[in-house]
Protein backbone atom coordinates (compact mmCIF):
# COMPACT_ATOMS: atom_id res chain seq x y z
CA LEU A 1 -20.55 -0.29 -9.30
CA LEU A 2 -22.87 -3.21 -10.06
CA THR A 3 -20.67 -4.51 -12.90
CA SER A 4 -17.56 -4.39 -10.72
CA TRP A 5 -19.32 -6.24 -7.89
CA CYS A 6 -20.47 -8.97 -10.20
CA TRP A 7 -17.06 -9.35 -11.82
CA ALA A 8 -15.42 -9.76 -8.39
CA ALA A 9 -18.17 -12.14 -7.25
CA TRP A 10 -17.73 -14.39 -10.30
CA HIS A 11 -13.96 -14.60 -9.74
CA ALA A 12 -14.56 -15.23 -6.03
CA CYS A 13 -16.80 -18.24 -6.89
CA ASP A 14 -14.17 -19.51 -9.32
CA TYR A 15 -11.53 -19.22 -6.64
CA GLN A 16 -13.73 -21.11 -4.17
CA ARG A 17 -14.19 -23.98 -6.61
CA SER A 18 -10.41 -24.24 -7.22
CA LEU A 19 -9.58 -24.81 -3.54
CA PRO A 20 -8.70 -28.35 -2.45
CA GLN A 21 -11.19 -30.35 -0.47
CA PRO A 22 -10.60 -30.15 3.33
CA GLY A 23 -10.34 -33.95 3.50
CA SER A 24 -7.27 -33.92 1.25
CA LEU A 25 -5.31 -31.80 3.74
CA VAL A 26 -5.54 -33.96 6.93
CA ASP A 27 -2.06 -35.54 6.66
CA ASP A 28 1.44 -34.15 6.43
CA GLN A 29 2.59 -33.76 2.83
CA LEU A 30 6.09 -33.65 1.34
CA LEU A 31 6.21 -30.88 -1.26
CA SER A 32 8.88 -29.48 -3.55
CA GLY A 33 8.72 -25.94 -4.85
CA CYS A 34 10.23 -22.40 -4.66
CA VAL A 35 9.84 -19.36 -2.45
CA VAL A 36 8.12 -16.66 -4.57
CA SER A 37 8.06 -13.76 -2.12
CA PHE A 38 10.42 -12.05 0.31
CA PRO A 39 10.02 -13.89 3.64
CA ARG A 40 8.68 -11.87 6.51
CA ARG A 41 10.65 -12.67 9.62
CA GLY A 42 9.58 -12.00 13.19
CA ALA A 43 9.50 -13.29 16.71
CA ASN A 44 6.64 -15.63 15.68
CA GLY A 45 8.67 -17.19 12.90
CA THR A 46 8.96 -16.72 9.17
CA ALA A 47 6.12 -16.41 6.69
CA PHE A 48 6.39 -16.63 2.90
CA LEU A 49 4.56 -17.63 -0.25
CA PHE A 50 5.62 -21.01 -1.69
CA GLN A 51 4.86 -22.19 -5.17
CA SER A 52 4.38 -25.97 -5.04
CA ARG A 53 5.30 -28.05 -8.10
CA GLU A 54 3.33 -31.12 -7.06
CA SER A 55 0.39 -32.35 -9.10
CA ASP A 56 -1.79 -33.40 -6.23
CA ALA A 57 -4.25 -31.43 -4.01
CA ALA A 58 -1.38 -29.23 -2.68
CA HIS A 59 -0.55 -27.96 -6.22
CA GLY A 60 -0.49 -24.20 -6.45
CA LEU A 61 0.43 -21.18 -4.33
CA LEU A 62 0.72 -21.79 -0.60
CA PHE A 63 1.17 -19.49 2.33
CA LEU A 64 3.57 -21.16 4.73
CA ARG A 65 5.10 -20.33 8.11
CA ILE A 66 8.15 -21.71 9.81
CA TYR A 67 7.97 -21.49 13.59
CA PRO A 68 11.08 -21.03 15.76
CA PRO A 69 12.68 -24.36 16.59
CA ARG A 70 11.83 -25.69 19.98
CA SER A 71 14.83 -27.99 20.46
CA PRO A 72 18.50 -28.21 19.29
CA ALA A 73 17.48 -31.27 17.13
CA ALA A 74 14.75 -29.28 15.43
CA GLU A 75 17.09 -26.36 14.88
CA SER A 76 19.54 -28.66 13.04
CA THR A 77 16.84 -29.66 10.53
CA ALA A 78 15.22 -26.18 10.09
CA VAL A 79 15.46 -24.43 6.76
CA THR A 80 16.01 -20.70 6.30
CA PRO A 81 13.93 -19.71 3.29
CA GLN A 82 15.20 -17.06 0.90
CA ALA A 83 13.32 -15.47 -1.98
CA GLY A 84 13.93 -17.35 -5.19
CA ASP A 85 15.34 -20.47 -3.63
CA CYS A 86 13.72 -23.93 -3.97
CA TYR A 87 13.23 -26.45 -1.21
CA GLN A 88 11.70 -29.79 -0.26
CA VAL A 89 9.62 -29.43 2.90
CA LEU A 90 7.21 -31.41 5.01
CA VAL A 91 4.10 -29.29 5.59
CA ARG A 92 0.78 -29.46 7.35
CA LEU A 93 -1.90 -27.64 5.35
CA LYS A 94 -5.42 -26.31 5.92
CA PRO A 95 -7.91 -24.31 3.74
CA PRO A 96 -7.24 -20.56 3.60
CA HIS A 97 -9.02 -18.75 6.42
CA GLY A 98 -8.95 -15.39 8.16
CA GLN A 99 -10.54 -13.95 11.25
CA SER A 100 -13.66 -11.74 10.89
CA ASN A 101 -13.35 -8.64 13.05
CA PRO A 102 -14.02 -4.91 12.46
CA ALA A 103 -10.86 -2.75 12.19
CA GLN A 104 -8.65 -5.78 11.50
CA VAL A 105 -6.71 -6.59 8.31
CA ASP A 106 -8.87 -8.81 6.14
CA ARG A 107 -6.48 -11.76 5.84
CA GLN A 108 -8.98 -13.86 3.83
CA HIS A 109 -9.20 -11.16 1.22
CA TRP A 110 -5.49 -10.93 1.11
CA LEU A 111 -5.19 -14.75 0.48
CA MET A 112 -7.98 -14.69 -2.13
CA ALA A 113 -6.51 -11.78 -4.08
CA ARG A 114 -3.30 -13.83 -4.49
CA ARG A 115 -5.12 -17.00 -5.32
CA VAL A 116 -3.55 -18.85 -2.38
CA GLN A 117 -4.80 -22.45 -2.37
CA ALA A 118 -3.85 -23.39 1.28
CA THR A 119 -2.06 -22.15 4.28
CA GLY A 120 0.06 -24.15 6.73
CA TYR A 121 3.38 -24.55 8.45
CA VAL A 122 6.59 -26.43 7.89
CA ARG A 123 7.11 -29.40 10.24
CA ASP A 124 10.38 -30.18 11.92
CA SER A 125 11.84 -33.02 9.82
CA SER A 126 15.00 -34.36 8.43
CA LEU A 127 13.28 -34.38 5.07
CA ASN A 128 13.52 -30.62 4.72
CA PHE A 129 16.43 -29.44 2.62
CA GLN A 130 17.18 -27.06 -0.21
CA ARG A 131 16.74 -28.20 -3.75
CA HIS A 132 19.65 -26.87 -5.87
CA ASP A 133 18.36 -28.77 -8.89
CA LEU A 134 15.23 -26.59 -9.08
CA ARG A 135 15.07 -22.93 -10.09
CA ALA A 136 12.38 -20.30 -9.71
CA ASP A 137 10.63 -19.35 -12.96
CA ASP A 138 10.22 -15.68 -11.91
CA SER A 139 13.12 -13.75 -13.42
CA VAL A 140 11.80 -10.41 -12.06
CA LEU A 141 11.90 -11.84 -8.59
CA LEU A 142 15.53 -12.96 -9.03
CA LEU A 143 16.43 -9.50 -10.34
CA ARG A 144 14.81 -7.92 -7.16
CA VAL A 145 16.77 -10.35 -5.00
CA ALA A 146 20.02 -9.34 -6.68
CA ILE A 147 19.26 -5.61 -6.27
CA ARG A 148 18.44 -6.03 -2.62
CA ARG A 149 21.58 -7.99 -1.99
CA LEU A 150 23.72 -5.19 -3.53
CA ILE A 151 21.94 -2.61 -1.41
CA ARG A 152 22.60 -4.56 1.79
CA GLN A 153 26.23 -5.13 0.87
CA ALA A 154 26.76 -1.39 0.25
CA LEU A 155 24.91 -0.29 3.38
CA PRO A 156 25.47 -2.79 6.17
CA ASP A 157 23.41 -1.99 9.27
CA HIS A 158 22.31 1.47 7.99
CA PRO A 159 18.97 2.56 9.59
CA ALA A 160 17.59 3.78 6.25
CA VAL A 161 18.11 0.42 4.43
CA PRO A 162 14.56 -0.84 5.05
CA VAL A 163 13.04 2.34 3.44
CA ILE A 164 15.50 2.16 0.53
CA GLU A 165 14.50 -1.40 -0.08
CA GLY A 166 10.86 -0.32 -0.06
CA LEU A 167 11.52 2.54 -2.60
CA THR A 168 13.51 0.35 -4.95
CA VAL A 169 12.26 -3.25 -4.90
CA GLY A 170 9.07 -2.89 -2.84
CA VAL A 171 10.28 -4.89 0.08
CA ARG A 172 8.66 -3.45 3.30
CA SER A 173 8.99 -6.44 5.69
CA ALA A 174 12.12 -4.95 7.28
CA ILE A 175 10.47 -1.63 8.29
CA LYS A 176 9.76 -1.83 12.05
CA PRO A 177 6.27 -1.33 13.39
CA SER A 178 7.42 1.70 15.36
CA MET A 179 8.53 3.33 12.11
CA TRP A 180 5.13 2.59 10.54
CA ASP A 181 3.55 4.36 13.52
CA VAL A 182 5.66 7.45 12.68
CA PHE A 183 4.57 7.34 9.01
CA ARG A 184 0.89 7.02 9.97
CA ALA A 185 1.19 9.80 12.54
CA THR A 186 2.66 12.16 9.92
CA GLY A 187 0.47 11.05 6.98
CA THR A 188 3.45 9.96 4.89
CA VAL A 189 2.77 6.22 4.52
CA HIS A 190 2.30 6.66 0.77
CA LEU A 191 5.84 8.13 0.43
CA MET A 192 7.79 5.30 2.15
CA ALA A 193 7.01 2.43 -0.24
CA ILE A 194 6.43 2.13 -3.91
CA SER A 195 2.89 3.37 -4.53
CA GLY A 196 0.89 4.92 -7.30
CA LEU A 197 2.55 8.24 -6.64
CA HIS A 198 6.02 6.88 -7.24
CA VAL A 199 4.99 4.91 -10.44
CA GLY A 200 3.34 8.01 -11.81
CA LEU A 201 6.37 10.22 -11.07
CA VAL A 202 8.75 7.81 -12.73
CA ALA A 203 6.58 7.38 -15.80
CA GLY A 204 5.69 11.01 -16.05
CA GLY A 205 9.32 12.03 -15.67
CA ILE A 206 10.41 9.70 -18.43
CA TRP A 207 7.56 10.88 -20.62
CA TRP A 208 8.47 14.55 -19.97
CA LEU A 209 12.22 14.04 -20.63
CA THR A 210 11.52 12.11 -23.84
CA GLY A 211 9.15 14.84 -24.92
CA LEU A 212 11.78 17.48 -24.30
CA GLY A 213 14.21 15.49 -26.53
CA CYS A 214 11.62 15.05 -29.23
CA ALA A 215 10.71 18.69 -29.19
CA ARG A 216 14.15 19.58 -30.39
CA LEU A 217 13.86 17.20 -33.35
CA ALA A 218 10.35 18.16 -34.63
CA PRO A 219 7.64 20.79 -33.88
CA PRO A 220 5.48 20.09 -30.77
CA GLY A 221 2.92 17.36 -31.26
CA ARG A 222 4.67 15.68 -34.17
CA LEU A 223 6.53 13.09 -32.20
CA ARG A 224 4.29 11.90 -29.38
CA TRP A 225 4.90 8.17 -29.74
CA PRO A 226 8.45 8.03 -28.22
CA GLY A 227 7.30 9.84 -25.11
CA ILE A 228 4.19 7.68 -24.68
CA VAL A 229 6.07 4.40 -25.20
CA ALA A 230 8.89 5.46 -22.89
CA GLY A 231 6.48 6.52 -20.21
CA ALA A 232 4.48 3.35 -20.48
CA ALA A 233 7.68 1.30 -20.33
CA GLY A 234 8.80 3.16 -17.26
CA ALA A 235 5.49 2.60 -15.44
CA LEU A 236 5.51 -1.08 -16.31
CA GLY A 237 9.20 -1.65 -15.40
CA TYR A 238 8.95 0.14 -12.06
CA ALA A 239 5.68 -1.68 -11.15
CA LEU A 240 7.37 -5.01 -12.01
CA LEU A 241 10.41 -4.04 -9.92
CA ALA A 242 8.06 -3.42 -6.98
CA GLY A 243 6.67 -6.93 -7.22
CA TRP A 244 3.53 -6.02 -9.21
CA SER A 245 1.68 -5.32 -5.95
CA ALA A 246 -1.91 -4.03 -6.04
CA PRO A 247 -1.06 -0.29 -5.70
CA THR A 248 1.70 -0.37 -8.35
CA GLN A 249 -0.32 -2.55 -10.67
CA ARG A 250 -3.24 -0.13 -10.39
CA ALA A 251 -0.99 2.86 -11.03
CA ALA A 252 0.72 1.32 -14.09
CA LEU A 253 -2.62 0.32 -15.67
CA MET A 254 -4.18 3.74 -14.96
CA PHE A 255 -1.12 5.45 -16.52
CA GLY A 256 -1.43 3.19 -19.56
CA ALA A 257 -5.11 4.17 -19.87
CA LEU A 258 -4.08 7.83 -19.65
CA LEU A 259 -1.53 7.36 -22.47
CA LEU A 260 -4.04 5.57 -24.70
CA VAL A 261 -6.66 8.29 -24.23
CA THR A 262 -4.03 10.97 -24.81
CA LEU A 263 -3.28 9.43 -28.23
CA ARG A 264 -6.94 9.83 -29.17
CA TYR A 265 -7.60 13.25 -27.62
CA ARG A 266 -5.18 16.10 -27.19
CA ALA A 267 -6.81 17.30 -23.94
CA PRO A 268 -8.89 14.44 -22.58
CA ARG A 269 -11.68 15.19 -20.04
CA PRO A 270 -11.33 13.91 -16.49
CA ALA A 271 -14.39 11.80 -16.77
CA GLY A 272 -12.94 10.08 -19.92
CA LEU A 273 -9.71 9.36 -18.08
CA LEU A 274 -11.44 7.90 -15.10
CA ALA A 275 -13.83 5.79 -17.26
CA ALA A 276 -10.87 4.38 -19.27
CA ALA A 277 -8.83 3.49 -16.20
CA VAL A 278 -11.49 1.46 -14.36
CA PRO A 279 -11.94 -1.47 -16.83
CA ALA A 280 -8.20 -1.96 -17.12
CA VAL A 281 -7.79 -2.13 -13.33
CA LEU A 282 -10.78 -4.46 -12.82
CA LEU A 283 -9.70 -6.82 -15.65
CA ALA A 284 -6.29 -7.21 -14.14
CA ASP A 285 -7.38 -7.59 -10.44
CA PRO A 286 -11.14 -8.27 -9.91
CA PHE A 287 -10.78 -8.23 -6.09
CA VAL A 288 -9.39 -4.71 -5.99
CA VAL A 289 -12.94 -3.36 -5.41
CA MET A 290 -12.94 -5.15 -1.96
CA GLY A 291 -10.05 -2.97 -0.64
CA ALA A 292 -10.28 0.56 0.61
CA GLY A 293 -7.01 1.53 -1.14
CA PHE A 294 -8.62 1.33 -4.58
CA TRP A 295 -11.49 3.67 -3.73
CA MET A 296 -9.19 6.03 -1.80
CA SER A 297 -6.70 6.27 -4.66
CA TYR A 298 -9.48 6.61 -7.21
CA LEU A 299 -11.13 9.36 -5.25
CA ALA A 300 -7.75 11.16 -4.89
CA VAL A 301 -7.11 10.94 -8.70
CA ALA A 302 -10.67 12.30 -9.38
CA LEU A 303 -10.07 15.22 -6.92
CA LEU A 304 -6.81 16.08 -8.66
CA LEU A 305 -8.29 15.85 -12.27
CA THR A 306 -11.24 18.06 -11.33
CA MET A 307 -9.15 20.89 -9.80
CA PRO A 308 -10.09 24.34 -11.06
CA ASP A 309 -7.62 25.54 -13.72
CA ASN A 310 -6.10 22.06 -13.87
CA ARG A 311 -3.00 22.04 -16.04
CA ARG A 312 -2.62 18.92 -18.30
CA LEU A 313 0.65 17.10 -18.29
CA SER A 314 2.76 18.57 -21.07
CA PRO A 315 5.32 16.18 -22.60
CA THR A 316 6.92 19.05 -24.45
CA GLY A 317 7.73 21.02 -21.34
CA ALA A 318 5.87 24.17 -22.28
CA ALA A 319 6.65 27.12 -20.09
CA ILE A 320 3.87 28.14 -17.63
CA GLY A 321 5.11 31.74 -17.26
CA SER A 322 7.60 34.14 -18.71
CA SER A 323 10.29 33.60 -16.04
CA ALA A 324 11.62 30.88 -13.81
CA LEU A 325 10.31 32.78 -10.71
CA HIS A 326 6.81 32.78 -12.16
CA ARG A 327 7.02 29.08 -12.97
CA LEU A 328 8.13 28.34 -9.44
CA ALA A 329 5.39 30.45 -7.81
CA SER A 330 2.73 28.82 -10.12
CA SER A 331 4.03 25.34 -9.37
CA SER A 332 4.13 25.95 -5.59
CA ALA A 333 0.53 27.38 -5.74
CA SER A 334 -0.68 24.33 -7.69
CA LEU A 335 0.99 21.97 -5.16
CA ALA A 336 -0.58 23.78 -2.18
CA GLN A 337 -3.96 23.81 -3.89
CA ALA A 338 -3.74 20.09 -4.67
CA GLN A 339 -2.71 19.20 -1.15
CA TRP A 340 -5.48 21.28 0.40
CA ARG A 341 -8.09 19.74 -1.97
CA LEU A 342 -6.86 16.16 -1.15
CA THR A 343 -7.00 16.96 2.62
CA LEU A 344 -10.56 18.11 2.44
CA GLY A 345 -11.79 15.50 -0.03
CA LEU A 346 -10.29 12.58 1.82
CA LEU A 347 -11.19 13.73 5.28
CA VAL A 348 -14.52 11.85 5.51
CA PRO A 349 -13.10 8.52 4.09
CA ASN A 350 -10.08 8.73 6.51
CA LEU A 351 -12.49 9.17 9.45
CA LEU A 352 -14.62 6.28 8.29
CA LEU A 353 -11.91 3.78 7.29
CA PHE A 354 -8.94 4.53 9.52
CA ASP A 355 -8.22 5.06 13.11
CA ALA A 356 -7.20 8.68 13.12
CA TRP A 357 -7.02 11.94 11.24
CA VAL A 358 -3.51 13.42 10.86
CA ILE A 359 -3.64 17.14 11.71
CA LEU A 360 -0.07 17.82 10.45
CA GLY A 361 -0.39 15.65 7.37
CA PRO A 362 -1.11 18.48 4.86
CA ALA A 363 1.78 20.67 6.10
CA ILE A 364 4.20 17.76 6.31
CA ASN A 365 3.26 16.57 2.84
CA LEU A 366 3.74 19.99 1.32
CA LEU A 367 7.50 19.55 2.20
CA ALA A 368 7.80 15.81 2.10
CA ILE A 369 6.25 15.21 -1.40
CA PRO A 370 8.77 17.51 -3.22
CA LEU A 371 11.62 16.20 -1.14
CA PHE A 372 10.90 12.56 -1.85
CA SER A 373 9.54 12.92 -5.32
CA LEU A 374 12.16 15.27 -6.84
CA LEU A 375 15.22 14.34 -4.76
CA LEU A 376 15.18 11.15 -2.72
CA LEU A 377 13.36 8.87 -5.20
CA PRO A 378 15.44 9.78 -8.24
CA LEU A 379 18.63 9.49 -6.26
CA THR A 380 17.65 6.17 -4.84
CA LEU A 381 16.75 4.62 -8.19
CA LEU A 382 19.88 6.07 -9.83
CA ALA A 383 22.04 4.74 -6.98
CA ALA A 384 20.48 1.23 -7.35
CA LEU A 385 21.16 1.27 -11.09
CA LEU A 386 24.77 2.39 -10.50
CA LEU A 387 25.27 -0.44 -8.03
CA TRP A 388 24.34 -2.79 -10.78
CA LEU A 389 26.49 -1.13 -13.53
CA ALA A 390 29.26 0.70 -11.65
CA PRO A 391 29.59 -0.47 -8.01
CA VAL A 392 32.05 2.16 -6.76
CA PRO A 393 30.15 5.34 -7.70
CA GLY A 394 26.88 3.53 -6.86
CA ALA A 395 28.06 2.75 -3.40
CA TRP A 396 29.03 6.34 -2.79
CA LEU A 397 25.77 7.76 -4.14
CA ILE A 398 23.59 5.29 -2.17
CA GLY A 399 25.54 6.02 0.97
CA TRP A 400 24.98 9.79 0.66
CA THR A 401 21.25 9.20 -0.24
CA ALA A 402 20.76 6.95 2.77
CA ASP A 403 22.27 9.58 5.14
CA LEU A 404 19.88 12.18 3.71
CA LEU A 405 16.99 9.74 4.03
CA ALA A 406 17.94 9.01 7.63
CA LEU A 407 17.93 12.79 8.41
CA SER A 408 14.43 13.01 6.86
CA LEU A 409 13.19 10.13 9.00
CA GLN A 410 14.50 11.88 12.13
CA LEU A 411 12.55 14.94 11.26
CA LEU A 412 9.39 12.82 10.79
CA GLN A 413 10.01 11.27 14.16
CA ALA A 414 10.17 14.69 15.75
CA ALA A 415 6.94 15.72 14.10
CA ALA A 416 5.19 12.50 15.14
CA ASP A 417 6.22 13.02 18.79
CA LEU A 418 4.24 16.33 19.06
CA PRO A 419 1.29 15.70 21.40
CA TRP A 420 -1.27 17.29 19.01
CA ALA A 421 0.04 15.62 15.79
CA LYS A 422 -2.77 13.12 15.56
CA VAL A 423 -6.43 12.89 16.51
CA ASP A 424 -7.45 9.34 17.46
CA ARG A 425 -10.93 8.06 17.23
CA THR A 426 -11.01 7.71 20.94
CA ALA A 427 -10.94 11.56 21.09
CA ASN A 428 -13.53 12.04 18.24
CA LEU A 429 -17.22 12.46 18.89
CA LEU A 430 -19.66 11.53 16.15
CA ALA A 431 -20.84 15.13 16.11
CA LEU A 432 -17.25 16.37 15.50
CA GLN A 433 -16.87 13.94 12.64
CA LEU A 434 -20.12 14.94 10.92
CA TRP A 435 -19.27 18.67 11.38
CA LEU A 436 -15.85 18.24 9.82
CA GLY A 437 -17.25 16.07 7.01
CA ALA A 438 -19.89 18.67 6.17
CA ILE A 439 -17.35 21.49 5.99
CA ALA A 440 -15.00 19.38 3.86
CA LEU A 441 -17.74 18.52 1.33
CA LEU A 442 -19.09 22.06 1.18
CA SER A 443 -15.59 23.50 0.51
CA LEU A 444 -15.38 21.37 -2.68
CA LEU A 445 -18.52 22.82 -4.17
CA PRO A 446 -18.19 25.40 -7.03
CA ARG A 447 -17.63 28.97 -5.88
CA PRO A 448 -21.17 30.31 -6.65
CA LEU A 449 -22.68 27.69 -4.43
CA ARG A 450 -19.95 27.67 -1.82
CA ASN A 451 -20.39 31.35 -1.06
CA ARG A 452 -24.09 31.16 -0.15
CA PRO A 453 -24.48 31.93 3.59
CA VAL A 454 -27.44 29.53 3.93
CA LEU A 455 -25.03 26.61 3.48
CA LEU A 456 -23.30 27.47 6.75
CA VAL A 457 -26.28 25.97 8.46
CA VAL A 458 -25.44 22.45 7.14
CA PRO A 459 -22.37 21.74 9.37
CA ALA A 460 -24.32 23.02 12.39
CA VAL A 461 -27.25 20.69 11.58
CA CYS A 462 -24.89 17.78 11.09
CA ALA A 463 -23.31 18.34 14.58
CA VAL A 464 -26.68 18.54 16.19
CA VAL A 465 -27.76 15.31 14.46
CA GLY A 466 -24.63 13.62 15.73
CA LEU A 467 -25.30 14.78 19.32
CA CYS A 468 -28.94 13.74 19.24
CA LEU A 469 -28.54 10.23 17.64
CA PRO A 470 -29.57 7.61 20.19
CA ARG A 471 -26.99 5.34 21.78
CA PRO A 472 -27.69 1.67 22.59
CA GLU A 473 -28.15 1.16 26.33
CA PHE A 474 -26.63 -2.31 26.30
CA GLN A 475 -24.47 -3.90 23.73
CA VAL A 476 -22.39 -7.15 23.61
CA ASP A 477 -19.63 -7.79 21.01
CA VAL A 478 -18.04 -11.20 20.69
CA LEU A 479 -14.73 -10.98 18.89
CA ASP A 480 -13.21 -13.68 16.69
CA VAL A 481 -9.93 -14.43 18.42
CA GLY A 482 -9.49 -18.09 17.33
CA GLN A 483 -8.83 -20.55 20.03
CA GLY A 484 -10.10 -18.40 22.94
CA THR A 485 -12.68 -15.88 24.02
CA ALA A 486 -12.94 -12.05 24.05
CA VAL A 487 -16.35 -10.52 24.93
CA LEU A 488 -16.91 -6.71 25.23
CA ILE A 489 -19.96 -5.48 27.15
CA ARG A 490 -20.98 -1.90 26.97
CA ALA A 491 -23.65 -0.30 29.26
CA ASP A 492 -24.24 3.18 30.67
CA GLN A 493 -21.16 4.57 28.90
CA ARG A 494 -18.94 2.01 30.71
CA SER A 495 -17.22 -1.03 29.16
CA LEU A 496 -16.26 -4.44 30.47
CA LEU A 497 -13.87 -6.72 28.67
CA ILE A 498 -14.03 -10.42 29.54
CA ASP A 499 -10.90 -12.33 28.54
CA THR A 500 -8.37 -11.10 25.95
CA GLY A 501 -7.91 -14.11 23.73
CA PRO A 502 -4.79 -16.26 23.30
CA ALA A 503 -1.20 -15.29 23.16
CA TRP A 504 1.71 -16.73 21.21
CA PRO A 505 5.46 -16.08 20.80
CA GLY A 506 5.83 -12.61 19.36
CA GLY A 507 2.16 -11.53 19.51
CA ASP A 508 -1.28 -11.86 21.05
CA ALA A 509 -4.93 -11.36 20.18
CA ALA A 510 -5.16 -8.22 22.37
CA ARG A 511 -2.78 -6.30 20.13
CA SER A 512 -3.97 -7.60 16.75
CA VAL A 513 -7.77 -7.83 17.44
CA ILE A 514 -9.07 -6.14 20.59
CA VAL A 515 -7.10 -2.85 20.57
CA PRO A 516 -8.01 -2.02 16.93
CA PHE A 517 -11.66 -2.83 17.69
CA LEU A 518 -11.61 -0.59 20.81
CA ARG A 519 -10.01 2.24 18.91
CA GLN A 520 -12.63 2.04 16.14
CA ALA A 521 -15.45 1.96 18.71
CA GLY A 522 -14.13 5.07 20.41
CA ILE A 523 -13.34 3.36 23.75
CA ALA A 524 -10.26 4.76 25.57
């Protein structure tokens, strides 16, 4: 922990030194460069990452925004950025900055993790135009743009297109906020965009299929290199196709560490796998330790690796039982055990880090994980590949997959609409959280310790402690809402909110700052 913190702090200091001086960003600047991300479009304008090719203070990666035009003259000079295209734009820049509020997305961490040198917006000017003489250097981005264009041509106006784009090329900007609410309410956010689970499934499936083919050519264990190389190539390729985001990068590196340790040891221990994965992830992304996703995914992997009677991944496809029915029953039992263990082990972090605990999450994931992992994800990737190689069968396959995916989304919507599907923090007492956390931690103990009746006293003691903890009689919170004021006063179990901050086209501080803070504070 200390080493990882020092490593991240050293890189943070190096990032701060690389930023341009604030005095160099006071005037408008005319820049040329390329769009290196998929623009996120909304009512408040279009936001994107712009790689500047200038050699002055504005050189480097910039986070820009184009606001909606305010007049017909401005609309005639506005540019519509597309991923991979290059432009000349007149911009107003400022140092990277983010608001500091509990329960809000850490925008400054997001900017630092991507080494963004400045943020700003594009000015209305006749000097803005597309540069056809420049070309983006990122060939992977151009490939992702081409795949996305083929998907949209094959499925015009289909409701499942945003999710298909998320599963294939990692573009989630088109998924509506209402749909994200459904995913959060059902505990299926990790299934709807390329994450560590998807990278592991693709790499593991390629490794397993290659191992099956090698087992027919040589005795088991003689030809491990082809499966390992194919699995590593699959993890790397799929992570690059997803844009090399933090979750996919972490999954690809951890899978590579797994393969390297497997080369050295036939049955590596869980502690060895975890120890080999951390340095690889930290070397690639030092700031990953600042995000909750790293610790949650690492804890989830540790829970799965330390399962009782954990079965190692077998690239040779060795039979678990003597019959197909036995293998199906054993696989179903292992999946249920893994889901139950993840639910209990991640209960406390979910209560501490997020706004709610999904009651139906374990049951929904027992059905959704096999559906998406074994059917929808392979079909989606195969359809995208066929669209590239054989457009006619690819269009038929991706249309059939999109219909099946749309039906699955409707079922998730029905589950999310249940009144008891989700427990918000506004309905949680501290005593209830401590009681649930104690039960979850005790259930993960080894069986000889878990069966001792004296341990049943621990949850009761935690609940009593939660009820007896003193509450402050008077508390004032001043929220950071930018150009405005929002002050929350709490006294005698009542709350008073003075002002709600500013509003802008397409959003306001109440929705982005105040409501998340109230939810985290348990104020209805």
